[in-house]
Protein backbone atom coordinates (compact mmCIF):
# COMPACT_ATOMS: atom_id res chain seq x y z
CA MET A 1 49.73 -89.19 51.51
CA THR A 2 46.83 -88.63 53.48
CA VAL A 3 44.63 -85.30 52.95
CA PHE A 4 45.94 -83.65 55.91
CA ASP A 5 49.65 -84.42 54.90
CA GLU A 6 48.87 -82.88 51.71
CA LEU A 7 46.92 -79.78 53.41
CA ARG A 8 50.21 -79.40 55.50
CA GLU A 9 52.10 -78.99 52.30
CA VAL A 10 49.66 -76.57 50.73
CA VAL A 11 50.07 -74.35 53.88
CA LEU A 12 53.59 -74.29 54.01
CA THR A 13 54.26 -73.66 50.31
CA GLY A 14 51.33 -71.24 50.15
CA GLU A 15 49.52 -72.49 47.01
CA ARG A 16 45.92 -72.66 46.22
CA ALA A 17 43.76 -75.69 47.10
CA VAL A 18 40.46 -76.48 48.47
CA VAL A 19 39.58 -79.47 50.72
CA LEU A 20 35.87 -80.54 49.93
CA THR A 21 34.29 -82.20 52.65
CA VAL A 22 30.90 -84.07 52.59
CA VAL A 23 29.00 -82.99 55.82
CA ALA A 24 25.56 -84.29 54.78
CA GLY A 25 24.50 -86.99 52.54
CA GLU A 26 25.42 -90.72 51.28
CA HIS A 27 29.17 -89.90 51.41
CA VAL A 28 29.09 -87.88 54.97
CA GLY A 29 32.72 -87.30 56.02
CA ALA A 30 34.56 -88.19 52.70
CA LYS A 31 37.16 -85.66 51.95
CA LEU A 32 38.86 -84.62 48.60
CA LEU A 33 41.47 -82.05 48.34
CA VAL A 34 42.10 -80.59 45.01
CA HIS A 35 45.08 -78.45 43.84
CA GLU A 36 44.73 -75.54 41.33
CA ASP A 37 46.12 -77.72 38.82
CA GLY A 38 43.47 -80.52 39.20
CA ARG A 39 45.63 -82.91 41.35
CA THR A 40 43.70 -84.41 44.19
CA VAL A 41 44.02 -86.60 47.04
CA GLY A 42 41.43 -88.21 49.25
CA ASP A 43 38.82 -90.91 49.46
CA GLY A 44 35.78 -88.28 48.66
CA PRO A 45 33.85 -89.20 45.28
CA ALA A 46 35.74 -87.83 42.17
CA SER A 47 32.81 -85.67 41.03
CA LEU A 48 33.43 -83.32 43.92
CA GLY A 49 36.60 -82.32 41.74
CA GLU A 50 34.05 -80.22 39.67
CA LEU A 51 33.30 -77.73 42.44
CA ALA A 52 37.14 -76.72 42.84
CA GLY A 53 37.19 -74.27 40.18
CA ASP A 54 34.11 -72.47 41.46
CA ALA A 55 35.56 -72.57 45.02
CA LEU A 56 38.87 -71.30 44.23
CA ARG A 57 37.73 -68.35 42.10
CA ALA A 58 35.50 -67.34 45.18
CA GLY A 59 38.46 -67.47 47.64
CA ARG A 60 36.73 -68.26 50.77
CA SER A 61 35.41 -71.05 52.15
CA HIS A 62 31.60 -71.88 52.09
CA LEU A 63 29.03 -74.83 51.76
CA VAL A 64 27.60 -75.81 48.59
CA ALA A 65 24.90 -78.28 47.13
CA HIS A 66 26.26 -80.87 45.32
CA ASP A 67 24.27 -84.16 43.71
CA GLY A 68 21.76 -84.11 46.76
CA GLU A 69 24.72 -83.61 49.48
CA THR A 70 26.14 -80.53 51.20
CA VAL A 71 29.75 -80.01 50.80
CA PHE A 72 31.66 -77.72 52.87
CA ALA A 73 34.70 -76.03 50.49
CA ASP A 74 37.60 -75.10 52.71
CA VAL A 75 39.59 -72.94 50.50
CA TYR A 76 43.39 -72.30 50.91
CA GLY A 77 45.91 -70.03 49.12
CA PRO A 78 47.37 -66.48 49.44
CA PRO A 79 45.25 -63.03 49.27
CA ALA A 80 43.80 -62.10 46.04
CA ARG A 81 45.71 -59.72 43.66
CA LEU A 82 44.78 -56.67 41.95
CA LEU A 83 46.77 -55.64 38.64
CA VAL A 84 46.15 -52.62 37.33
CA TYR A 85 47.46 -51.69 34.04
CA GLY A 86 47.86 -47.87 33.58
CA ALA A 87 49.25 -45.72 36.49
CA VAL A 88 46.63 -43.11 36.32
CA ASP A 89 44.91 -41.24 39.47
CA THR A 90 42.21 -44.10 39.48
CA ALA A 91 45.09 -46.70 40.07
CA GLU A 92 46.42 -44.99 43.06
CA ALA A 93 42.88 -44.93 44.55
CA LEU A 94 42.33 -48.60 43.74
CA ALA A 95 45.61 -49.69 45.25
CA ARG A 96 44.91 -47.88 48.48
CA ALA A 97 41.24 -48.94 48.56
CA ALA A 98 42.27 -52.89 47.69
CA LYS A 99 44.82 -52.96 50.64
CA LEU A 100 42.19 -52.13 53.03
CA LEU A 101 40.53 -55.71 51.72
CA GLY A 102 43.91 -57.36 52.41
CA TRP A 103 44.42 -57.87 48.72
CA LYS A 104 48.22 -57.57 47.08
CA THR A 105 48.07 -54.74 44.50
CA ILE A 106 50.39 -54.63 41.25
CA VAL A 107 50.38 -51.22 39.22
CA ALA A 108 52.13 -51.71 35.82
CA ASP A 109 52.66 -48.81 33.12
CA ALA A 110 55.04 -48.70 30.26
CA ARG A 111 55.30 -45.19 30.71
CA GLY A 112 57.99 -44.79 33.33
CA ARG A 113 56.84 -41.05 34.37
CA PHE A 114 53.42 -42.35 35.27
CA ALA A 115 54.76 -45.58 37.46
CA THR A 116 56.07 -43.80 40.29
CA SER A 117 55.95 -44.56 43.91
CA GLU A 118 55.49 -40.79 44.29
CA ARG A 119 52.43 -41.10 42.16
CA ILE A 120 51.23 -44.61 43.07
CA PRO A 121 52.76 -44.55 46.80
CA SER A 122 49.91 -47.40 47.94
CA ALA A 123 50.83 -50.16 45.22
CA ASP A 124 52.69 -53.07 46.82
CA GLU A 125 54.46 -53.64 43.28
CA LEU A 126 55.12 -51.12 40.64
CA LEU A 127 56.08 -52.47 37.35
CA VAL A 128 57.56 -50.30 34.31
CA GLU A 129 56.74 -52.79 31.70
CA TRP A 130 54.77 -53.52 28.25
CA PRO A 131 51.47 -55.57 28.48
CA ASP A 132 52.95 -58.95 27.58
CA GLU A 133 56.02 -58.43 29.90
CA THR A 134 53.49 -57.65 32.74
CA ILE A 135 51.53 -60.81 32.10
CA SER A 136 54.65 -62.89 32.03
CA ARG A 137 55.77 -61.45 35.28
CA VAL A 138 52.62 -61.48 37.15
CA ARG A 139 51.08 -64.69 35.82
CA PRO A 140 47.52 -63.99 36.53
CA ASP A 141 45.88 -66.74 38.18
CA VAL A 142 42.31 -67.69 39.50
CA GLY A 143 42.97 -65.31 42.59
CA THR A 144 43.94 -62.29 40.25
CA ALA A 145 41.56 -59.18 39.08
CA ILE A 146 42.66 -57.40 36.33
CA LEU A 147 41.81 -53.83 35.46
CA VAL A 148 42.98 -51.98 32.21
CA LEU A 149 42.76 -48.22 32.66
CA THR A 150 44.98 -46.68 30.07
CA HIS A 151 42.58 -45.37 27.33
CA ASP A 152 45.28 -46.05 24.65
CA ASP A 153 45.02 -48.85 22.01
CA LYS A 154 48.47 -49.65 22.01
CA PHE A 155 48.45 -50.90 25.61
CA ASP A 156 44.56 -51.70 26.17
CA ILE A 157 44.36 -54.19 23.32
CA PRO A 158 47.50 -56.37 24.06
CA MET A 159 46.85 -55.98 27.61
CA LEU A 160 43.09 -57.25 27.49
CA LYS A 161 43.87 -59.90 24.99
CA ALA A 162 46.43 -61.48 27.32
CA ALA A 163 44.32 -60.91 30.29
CA LEU A 164 41.39 -63.08 28.54
CA ALA A 165 44.00 -65.65 27.71
CA SER A 166 44.95 -65.77 31.73
CA ASP A 167 43.11 -67.37 34.52
CA ALA A 168 41.87 -64.07 36.08
CA PHE A 169 38.58 -64.28 37.80
CA TYR A 170 37.68 -60.70 36.57
CA VAL A 171 38.89 -58.31 33.74
CA GLY A 172 37.65 -55.09 33.54
CA ALA A 173 38.47 -51.99 31.58
CA LEU A 174 37.63 -48.09 31.38
CA GLY A 175 35.76 -46.61 28.65
CA SER A 176 32.65 -45.47 27.31
CA ARG A 177 30.16 -48.08 25.68
CA ARG A 178 31.06 -46.85 22.37
CA ASN A 179 34.41 -46.91 23.00
CA GLN A 180 33.94 -50.57 24.54
CA GLU A 181 32.48 -51.69 21.19
CA ARG A 182 35.48 -50.37 19.30
CA ARG A 183 37.60 -51.99 21.21
CA ARG A 184 35.80 -55.36 20.67
CA GLY A 185 36.30 -55.14 17.09
CA LEU A 186 39.54 -54.44 17.56
CA LEU A 187 40.13 -57.60 19.61
CA LEU A 188 38.24 -59.57 17.32
CA GLU A 189 40.71 -58.37 14.82
CA ALA A 190 43.50 -59.42 16.94
CA GLY A 191 42.38 -63.15 17.34
CA VAL A 192 40.22 -63.03 20.43
CA PRO A 193 37.38 -65.41 20.17
CA GLU A 194 34.03 -63.83 20.49
CA ALA A 195 33.18 -65.72 23.35
CA ASP A 196 35.96 -64.57 25.31
CA LEU A 197 34.93 -60.88 25.20
CA ASP A 198 32.10 -61.45 27.45
CA ARG A 199 34.58 -61.98 30.14
CA ILE A 200 35.17 -58.09 29.82
CA HIS A 201 33.53 -56.09 32.36
CA GLY A 202 33.41 -52.75 30.42
CA PRO A 203 32.84 -50.01 31.56
CA ALA A 204 33.96 -51.65 34.55
CA GLY A 205 32.21 -50.92 37.92
CA LEU A 206 28.88 -50.74 39.54
CA ASP A 207 26.40 -47.99 38.77
CA VAL A 208 26.89 -45.73 41.77
CA GLY A 209 27.30 -42.65 40.12
CA ALA A 210 31.11 -42.61 40.65
CA GLU A 211 32.92 -39.18 39.67
CA THR A 212 35.97 -38.98 41.56
CA PRO A 213 39.04 -41.47 41.29
CA ALA A 214 37.98 -42.83 45.09
CA GLU A 215 34.33 -43.19 44.02
CA THR A 216 35.38 -44.84 40.70
CA ALA A 217 37.77 -47.35 42.67
CA LEU A 218 34.90 -48.10 44.86
CA SER A 219 32.83 -48.97 42.13
CA MET A 220 34.98 -51.06 40.66
CA LEU A 221 35.99 -52.97 43.66
CA ALA A 222 32.34 -53.80 44.60
CA GLU A 223 31.65 -55.09 41.14
CA ILE A 224 34.85 -57.34 41.55
CA LEU A 225 33.70 -58.65 44.77
CA ALA A 226 30.49 -59.60 43.56
CA VAL A 227 31.69 -61.29 40.24
CA ARG A 228 34.37 -63.22 42.52
CA VAL A 229 31.62 -64.69 44.49
CA GLY A 230 28.72 -64.88 42.02
CA ARG A 231 26.44 -62.22 43.11
CA PRO A 232 24.85 -59.47 40.72
CA GLY A 233 26.02 -56.79 42.62
CA GLY A 234 22.35 -54.87 43.33
CA SER A 235 20.66 -53.39 45.92
CA LEU A 236 20.76 -55.73 49.00
CA ARG A 237 16.96 -54.74 49.76
CA GLU A 238 16.25 -56.28 46.42
CA ALA A 239 18.28 -59.42 46.69
CA ALA A 240 16.64 -62.78 47.49
CA THR A 241 20.10 -64.34 48.46
CA ARG A 242 21.60 -63.97 52.03
CA ILE A 243 23.29 -61.01 52.76
CA HIS A 244 26.75 -62.76 53.43
CA ALA A 245 28.29 -65.09 51.23
CA GLU A 246 28.51 -68.27 53.26
CA SER A 247 27.31 -70.48 50.50
CA VAL A 248 27.12 -70.65 46.92
CA ALA A 249 24.98 -72.37 44.53
CA GLY A 250 26.13 -75.94 43.09
CA LYS A 251 24.48 -78.97 41.33
CA LYS A 252 21.56 -80.17 42.53
């Protein structure tokens, strides 16, 4: 099967994949299609497959430097998903704002009195489920960001543990710095590897002085966007990179 035949199937099924095309260098014109599960089709060097993970997490097409060549990573797949655990006021603000980005929003909470369409009207999907049930249903992938907002250990700990074991490109949690450290200890006791804990963005969000739920949602989504494309999320005035994320760094 050719790359184009395989790509047609990708588009029809809505799965995630990336077509890597060498546009400058020794192998110019070579193509390699890489599925999310690692399967490949094409005549491009196998080493191009190393670029697939970062490309799929970025979720957008871009140029990348790799082994002295320039590669165009053309990314295919469904919109990103935002999974919010904890149907609090900020969850509605997050769902409303994320929909403006074209993302699918899922809000879950084991407390049925919170997870209602009256309280969270902007969510594309509402789940009244415990953390393990939520993860099993949603099955977070490289296009999923997860935020944990419950402020309750019986929800926070299992949800964060499950989120860290998933392929989600972002895992964030509310809470003061002191509470983040306390929660870190509980996660270690629950068997989470210490190296995995560095994936948690907590307190979640960029430092923009947010106070209201809407401002907090904006802060969190800004951090999620920055993490997805490998940006630090600082002031553009201080940035040395291009304003728009057309390209990302690769192997030189």
